[in-house]
Amino acid sequence: MQRVITVTANIGGADLGSVAQQVMKGIAELGAPPPRVGVTLRGQVVPMQQMLDGLRTGLLLAVVVIFLLLAANFQSLKLSFIVVSTVPAVIAGVVVTLWLTGRR
């Protein structure tokens, strides 16, 4: 037998990511639960976190594969690193352009 206390919230148009961060922060501020008490998040937060972890892994894997392909093509690790190191500047330029044009 387990006793369960459920806390639900109607977030009302806020995005799931920011609400999940607030909930996690609140749980962390309360400290460790007493012995034999577990705290679990349910709902769409867990699948969202799994999806974001998968996207991070996929992005990292894509960067590594592109680096290896560039190294094979240019036959130079140094030149490949220079090309891959421009990616943050390109992303920053895209973000600034989207912000200036009011697009998301």
Protein backbone atom coordinates (compact mmCIF):
# COMPACT_ATOMS: atom_id res chain seq x y z
CA MET A 1 0.00 0.00 0.00
CA GLN A 2 1.25 3.42 -0.90
CA ARG A 3 -0.21 6.77 -0.09
CA VAL A 4 -0.10 9.25 -2.89
CA ILE A 5 -0.43 13.00 -2.72
CA THR A 6 -1.02 14.58 -6.10
CA VAL A 7 -0.47 18.23 -6.82
CA THR A 8 -1.91 19.49 -10.08
CA ALA A 9 -1.64 22.89 -11.65
CA ASN A 10 -3.36 24.69 -14.47
CA ILE A 11 -0.47 26.59 -16.04
CA GLY A 12 -2.76 28.74 -18.32
CA GLY A 13 -0.65 29.38 -22.09
CA ALA A 14 2.92 29.34 -20.19
CA ASP A 15 5.29 26.99 -22.01
CA LEU A 16 5.97 23.59 -20.51
CA GLY A 17 9.72 24.12 -20.32
CA SER A 18 9.59 27.20 -18.09
CA VAL A 19 6.92 25.68 -15.85
CA ALA A 20 8.95 22.48 -15.50
CA GLN A 21 11.98 24.53 -14.47
CA GLN A 22 9.94 26.36 -11.84
CA VAL A 23 8.59 23.08 -10.45
CA MET A 24 12.06 21.51 -10.35
CA LYS A 25 13.41 24.63 -8.62
CA GLY A 26 10.61 24.47 -6.03
CA ILE A 27 11.30 20.80 -5.34
CA ALA A 28 15.04 21.49 -4.99
CA GLU A 29 14.38 24.36 -2.56
CA LEU A 30 12.40 22.03 -0.29
CA GLY A 31 15.46 19.82 0.09
CA ALA A 32 15.68 16.07 0.30
CA PRO A 33 12.42 14.29 1.13
CA PRO A 34 12.11 12.34 4.38
CA PRO A 35 13.06 8.64 4.39
CA ARG A 36 10.70 6.36 2.47
CA VAL A 37 9.19 9.31 0.59
CA GLY A 38 9.65 9.68 -3.15
CA VAL A 39 9.05 12.70 -5.36
CA THR A 40 8.19 12.08 -9.01
CA LEU A 41 7.22 14.35 -11.85
CA ARG A 42 4.52 13.04 -14.11
CA GLY A 43 2.69 14.23 -17.17
CA GLN A 44 4.38 15.69 -20.21
CA VAL A 45 7.53 16.86 -18.39
CA VAL A 46 9.29 13.49 -18.51
CA PRO A 47 8.75 12.88 -22.27
CA MET A 48 9.83 16.48 -22.96
CA GLN A 49 13.07 15.97 -21.02
CA GLN A 50 13.73 12.69 -22.84
CA MET A 51 13.11 14.36 -26.19
CA LEU A 52 15.47 17.26 -25.38
CA ASP A 53 18.16 14.82 -24.22
CA GLY A 54 17.80 12.93 -27.50
CA LEU A 55 18.05 16.17 -29.48
CA ARG A 56 21.22 17.16 -27.62
CA THR A 57 22.77 13.75 -28.29
CA GLY A 58 21.76 13.91 -31.95
CA LEU A 59 23.20 17.39 -32.35
CA LEU A 60 26.50 16.37 -30.77
CA LEU A 61 26.68 13.27 -32.96
CA ALA A 62 25.92 15.35 -36.08
CA VAL A 63 28.73 17.81 -35.27
CA VAL A 64 31.21 14.96 -34.75
CA VAL A 65 30.20 13.25 -38.01
CA ILE A 66 30.43 16.52 -39.95
CA PHE A 67 33.86 17.17 -38.43
CA LEU A 68 35.05 13.71 -39.48
CA LEU A 69 33.67 14.17 -43.01
CA LEU A 70 35.40 17.54 -43.30
CA ALA A 71 38.64 16.02 -42.04
CA ALA A 72 38.40 13.28 -44.66
CA ASN A 73 37.54 15.76 -47.40
CA PHE A 74 40.17 18.40 -46.58
CA GLN A 75 42.68 15.86 -45.25
CA SER A 76 43.45 18.29 -42.45
CA LEU A 77 42.18 18.27 -38.87
CA LYS A 78 43.21 21.89 -38.42
CA LEU A 79 41.18 23.13 -41.39
CA SER A 80 38.21 21.00 -40.34
CA PHE A 81 38.31 22.49 -36.85
CA ILE A 82 38.38 26.02 -38.29
CA VAL A 83 35.31 25.30 -40.41
CA VAL A 84 33.37 23.69 -37.53
CA SER A 85 34.33 26.51 -35.15
CA THR A 86 32.38 29.01 -37.29
CA VAL A 87 29.09 27.30 -36.43
CA PRO A 88 28.43 29.34 -33.22
CA ALA A 89 28.92 32.60 -35.14
CA VAL A 90 26.51 31.44 -37.84
CA ILE A 91 23.89 30.47 -35.25
CA ALA A 92 24.30 33.84 -33.49
CA GLY A 93 23.80 35.62 -36.82
CA VAL A 94 20.63 33.65 -37.51
CA VAL A 95 19.24 34.42 -34.04
CA VAL A 96 20.00 38.14 -34.37
CA THR A 97 18.42 38.26 -37.83
CA LEU A 98 15.28 36.49 -36.60
CA TRP A 99 15.08 38.86 -33.63
CA LEU A 100 15.51 41.95 -35.82
CA THR A 101 12.82 40.81 -38.25
CA GLY A 102 10.44 39.83 -35.45
CA ARG A 103 10.26 36.19 -36.51
CA ARG A 104 10.58 33.18 -34.26
